[in-house]
Amino acid sequence: MKATLKYLIILISDIIAIPAAFMGAFIIRLGFEQGIAIGLSFWWLVLIFIPIRLIIFKYAGLYNLIWRYASLRELLSVIKA
C-alpha cells in the first residue's frame, strides 16, 4: 500500500473519530438523551476542533510513526499531542 493512501486512511479515520469522541463525551457525562441533545447543539465546535486537532497531530509527528514497531517514544508522542 502506498504511503499516501495510508496517510489518507489515517486522516479520514481521525476526521471520523474526533466528532465521535466529542459526542461520546457528552453521552457519557450527561446520559444518552440529554447528551445527544447538548452535543448536537454544539456541532459548530466540531467544525473548529477537527482542523485544530489535525494540525496538532501533524506537528506532533503522529502521522509520521510506524505503528507496527511502536515503542515508548511513540506513546509519549501520543500523550504529548
N, C-alpha and C. Protein backbone atom coordinates (compact mmCIF):
# COMPACT_ATOMS: atom_id res chain seq x y z
N MET A 1 0.84 -1.18 0.00
CA MET A 1 0.00 0.00 0.00
C MET A 1 0.89 1.24 0.00
N LYS A 2 0.54 2.20 -0.84
CA LYS A 2 1.35 3.40 -0.94
C LYS A 2 1.23 4.24 0.33
N ALA A 3 2.26 5.02 0.60
CA ALA A 3 2.29 5.84 1.80
C ALA A 3 1.19 6.90 1.79
N THR A 4 0.89 7.45 0.61
CA THR A 4 -0.15 8.48 0.56
C THR A 4 -1.52 7.90 0.84
N LEU A 5 -1.76 6.68 0.41
CA LEU A 5 -3.04 6.03 0.69
C LEU A 5 -3.17 5.74 2.18
N LYS A 6 -2.09 5.27 2.80
CA LYS A 6 -2.10 5.02 4.25
C LYS A 6 -2.36 6.32 5.01
N TYR A 7 -1.70 7.39 4.58
CA TYR A 7 -1.88 8.69 5.22
C TYR A 7 -3.33 9.15 5.08
N LEU A 8 -3.92 8.96 3.90
CA LEU A 8 -5.30 9.35 3.66
C LEU A 8 -6.27 8.54 4.53
N ILE A 9 -6.02 7.26 4.67
CA ILE A 9 -6.87 6.42 5.51
C ILE A 9 -6.80 6.86 6.97
N ILE A 10 -5.60 7.15 7.45
CA ILE A 10 -5.44 7.60 8.83
C ILE A 10 -6.11 8.95 9.02
N LEU A 11 -5.97 9.84 8.06
CA LEU A 11 -6.58 11.16 8.15
C LEU A 11 -8.11 11.06 8.19
N ILE A 12 -8.68 10.23 7.35
CA ILE A 12 -10.14 10.05 7.33
C ILE A 12 -10.62 9.42 8.64
N SER A 13 -9.88 8.47 9.16
CA SER A 13 -10.28 7.86 10.43
C SER A 13 -10.23 8.87 11.57
N ASP A 14 -9.29 9.80 11.54
CA ASP A 14 -9.25 10.85 12.56
C ASP A 14 -10.41 11.83 12.39
N ILE A 15 -10.77 12.13 11.15
CA ILE A 15 -11.90 13.03 10.90
C ILE A 15 -13.20 12.41 11.41
N ILE A 16 -13.29 11.10 11.37
CA ILE A 16 -14.48 10.41 11.89
C ILE A 16 -14.40 10.27 13.42
N ALA A 17 -13.21 10.00 13.94
CA ALA A 17 -13.06 9.73 15.37
C ALA A 17 -13.22 10.98 16.24
N ILE A 18 -12.83 12.14 15.73
CA ILE A 18 -12.91 13.37 16.54
C ILE A 18 -14.37 13.71 16.89
N PRO A 19 -15.30 13.76 15.93
CA PRO A 19 -16.69 14.02 16.32
C PRO A 19 -17.30 12.89 17.16
N ALA A 20 -16.89 11.65 16.89
CA ALA A 20 -17.40 10.53 17.68
C ALA A 20 -16.96 10.66 19.14
N ALA A 21 -15.72 11.05 19.37
CA ALA A 21 -15.25 11.25 20.74
C ALA A 21 -15.95 12.43 21.40
N PHE A 22 -16.21 13.48 20.64
CA PHE A 22 -16.92 14.66 21.14
C PHE A 22 -18.32 14.27 21.62
N MET A 23 -19.06 13.55 20.78
CA MET A 23 -20.40 13.12 21.15
C MET A 23 -20.37 12.09 22.27
N GLY A 24 -19.40 11.20 22.23
CA GLY A 24 -19.27 10.19 23.27
C GLY A 24 -19.03 10.80 24.64
N ALA A 25 -18.26 11.87 24.68
CA ALA A 25 -18.01 12.55 25.95
C ALA A 25 -19.29 13.13 26.53
N PHE A 26 -20.12 13.73 25.68
CA PHE A 26 -21.39 14.26 26.16
C PHE A 26 -22.32 13.15 26.62
N ILE A 27 -22.35 12.05 25.88
CA ILE A 27 -23.23 10.93 26.23
C ILE A 27 -22.81 10.31 27.55
N ILE A 28 -21.52 10.12 27.74
CA ILE A 28 -21.03 9.53 28.99
C ILE A 28 -21.32 10.46 30.16
N ARG A 29 -21.12 11.74 29.97
CA ARG A 29 -21.29 12.70 31.06
C ARG A 29 -22.74 12.96 31.41
N LEU A 30 -23.62 13.08 30.39
CA LEU A 30 -24.99 13.54 30.62
C LEU A 30 -26.05 12.48 30.42
N GLY A 31 -25.69 11.30 29.98
CA GLY A 31 -26.69 10.30 29.65
C GLY A 31 -27.02 10.39 28.17
N PHE A 32 -27.71 9.38 27.66
CA PHE A 32 -27.89 9.29 26.22
C PHE A 32 -28.74 10.42 25.65
N GLU A 33 -29.96 10.58 26.14
CA GLU A 33 -30.86 11.56 25.52
C GLU A 33 -30.37 12.99 25.69
N GLN A 34 -29.99 13.36 26.90
CA GLN A 34 -29.52 14.72 27.13
C GLN A 34 -28.16 14.95 26.47
N GLY A 35 -27.31 13.94 26.47
CA GLY A 35 -26.00 14.06 25.82
C GLY A 35 -26.11 14.30 24.33
N ILE A 36 -27.03 13.58 23.67
CA ILE A 36 -27.24 13.78 22.25
C ILE A 36 -27.77 15.19 21.98
N ALA A 37 -28.74 15.64 22.79
CA ALA A 37 -29.33 16.96 22.58
C ALA A 37 -28.29 18.07 22.76
N ILE A 38 -27.51 17.99 23.81
CA ILE A 38 -26.49 19.01 24.07
C ILE A 38 -25.37 18.91 23.03
N GLY A 39 -24.95 17.70 22.72
CA GLY A 39 -23.88 17.51 21.73
C GLY A 39 -24.25 18.06 20.37
N LEU A 40 -25.48 17.85 19.95
CA LEU A 40 -25.91 18.37 18.65
C LEU A 40 -26.04 19.89 18.65
N SER A 41 -26.29 20.48 19.81
CA SER A 41 -26.38 21.94 19.86
C SER A 41 -25.00 22.59 19.76
N PHE A 42 -23.95 21.82 20.01
CA PHE A 42 -22.59 22.34 19.90
C PHE A 42 -21.87 21.79 18.67
N TRP A 43 -22.60 21.50 17.60
CA TRP A 43 -22.00 20.93 16.39
C TRP A 43 -20.95 21.86 15.80
N TRP A 44 -21.10 23.15 15.97
CA TRP A 44 -20.17 24.12 15.40
C TRP A 44 -18.79 23.98 16.04
N LEU A 45 -18.73 23.50 17.28
CA LEU A 45 -17.42 23.29 17.91
C LEU A 45 -16.64 22.19 17.20
N VAL A 46 -17.34 21.19 16.71
CA VAL A 46 -16.67 20.10 15.99
C VAL A 46 -15.99 20.64 14.74
N LEU A 47 -16.65 21.59 14.08
CA LEU A 47 -16.05 22.19 12.89
C LEU A 47 -14.77 22.95 13.22
N ILE A 48 -14.66 23.43 14.43
CA ILE A 48 -13.43 24.10 14.88
C ILE A 48 -12.40 23.08 15.35
N PHE A 49 -12.86 22.05 16.08
CA PHE A 49 -11.94 21.06 16.66
C PHE A 49 -11.22 20.21 15.61
N ILE A 50 -11.91 19.83 14.54
CA ILE A 50 -11.31 18.93 13.56
C ILE A 50 -10.04 19.52 12.95
N PRO A 51 -10.07 20.71 12.37
CA PRO A 51 -8.81 21.22 11.79
C PRO A 51 -7.73 21.48 12.83
N ILE A 52 -8.13 21.94 14.02
CA ILE A 52 -7.14 22.20 15.06
C ILE A 52 -6.46 20.90 15.47
N ARG A 53 -7.25 19.84 15.72
CA ARG A 53 -6.66 18.57 16.15
C ARG A 53 -5.80 17.95 15.04
N LEU A 54 -6.22 18.07 13.79
CA LEU A 54 -5.42 17.51 12.70
C LEU A 54 -4.08 18.23 12.57
N ILE A 55 -4.09 19.55 12.76
CA ILE A 55 -2.83 20.31 12.73
C ILE A 55 -1.94 19.91 13.90
N ILE A 56 -2.53 19.77 15.08
CA ILE A 56 -1.75 19.36 16.25
C ILE A 56 -1.17 17.97 16.04
N PHE A 57 -1.97 17.04 15.53
CA PHE A 57 -1.47 15.69 15.28
C PHE A 57 -0.32 15.70 14.27
N LYS A 58 -0.46 16.53 13.22
CA LYS A 58 0.59 16.60 12.19
C LYS A 58 1.89 17.14 12.78
N TYR A 59 1.81 18.25 13.53
CA TYR A 59 3.04 18.84 14.07
C TYR A 59 3.60 18.06 15.26
N ALA A 60 2.79 17.25 15.89
CA ALA A 60 3.31 16.39 16.97
C ALA A 60 3.97 15.13 16.40
N GLY A 61 3.85 14.92 15.10
CA GLY A 61 4.51 13.79 14.46
C GLY A 61 3.73 12.49 14.53
N LEU A 62 2.44 12.56 14.83
CA LEU A 62 1.66 11.33 14.95
C LEU A 62 1.42 10.64 13.61
N TYR A 63 1.48 11.38 12.53
CA TYR A 63 1.28 10.77 11.22
C TYR A 63 2.58 10.24 10.62
N ASN A 64 3.70 10.46 11.28
CA ASN A 64 4.98 10.00 10.78
C ASN A 64 5.44 8.70 11.42
N LEU A 65 4.67 8.17 12.32
CA LEU A 65 5.09 7.00 13.07
C LEU A 65 4.76 5.71 12.33
N ILE A 66 5.54 4.71 12.57
CA ILE A 66 5.27 3.37 12.06
C ILE A 66 4.72 2.57 13.23
N TRP A 67 3.40 2.34 13.24
CA TRP A 67 2.75 1.76 14.40
C TRP A 67 3.05 0.28 14.57
N ARG A 68 3.56 -0.39 13.58
CA ARG A 68 3.91 -1.79 13.74
C ARG A 68 5.03 -1.94 14.74
N TYR A 69 5.91 -0.97 14.79
CA TYR A 69 7.06 -1.01 15.68
C TYR A 69 6.95 0.05 16.78
N ALA A 70 5.75 0.30 17.24
CA ALA A 70 5.52 1.36 18.24
C ALA A 70 6.25 1.02 19.54
N SER A 71 6.80 2.06 20.16
CA SER A 71 7.52 1.88 21.41
C SER A 71 7.08 2.97 22.39
N LEU A 72 7.81 3.08 23.46
CA LEU A 72 7.51 4.07 24.48
C LEU A 72 7.63 5.49 23.93
N ARG A 73 8.57 5.72 23.04
CA ARG A 73 8.74 7.05 22.45
C ARG A 73 7.50 7.48 21.68
N GLU A 74 6.89 6.56 20.92
CA GLU A 74 5.68 6.88 20.20
C GLU A 74 4.51 7.11 21.15
N LEU A 75 4.45 6.33 22.22
CA LEU A 75 3.40 6.53 23.22
C LEU A 75 3.51 7.91 23.85
N LEU A 76 4.70 8.35 24.12
CA LEU A 76 4.90 9.69 24.67
C LEU A 76 4.51 10.78 23.67
N SER A 77 4.71 10.53 22.38
CA SER A 77 4.27 11.48 21.36
C SER A 77 2.75 11.60 21.34
N VAL A 78 2.07 10.48 21.50
CA VAL A 78 0.60 10.50 21.53
C VAL A 78 0.12 11.24 22.76
N ILE A 79 0.72 11.00 23.88
CA ILE A 79 0.31 11.67 25.12
C ILE A 79 0.60 13.17 25.03
N LYS A 80 1.72 13.53 24.45
CA LYS A 80 2.07 14.93 24.30
C LYS A 80 1.08 15.66 23.41
N ALA A 81 0.60 15.00 22.37
CA ALA A 81 -0.36 15.63 21.45
C ALA A 81 -1.70 15.75 22.11
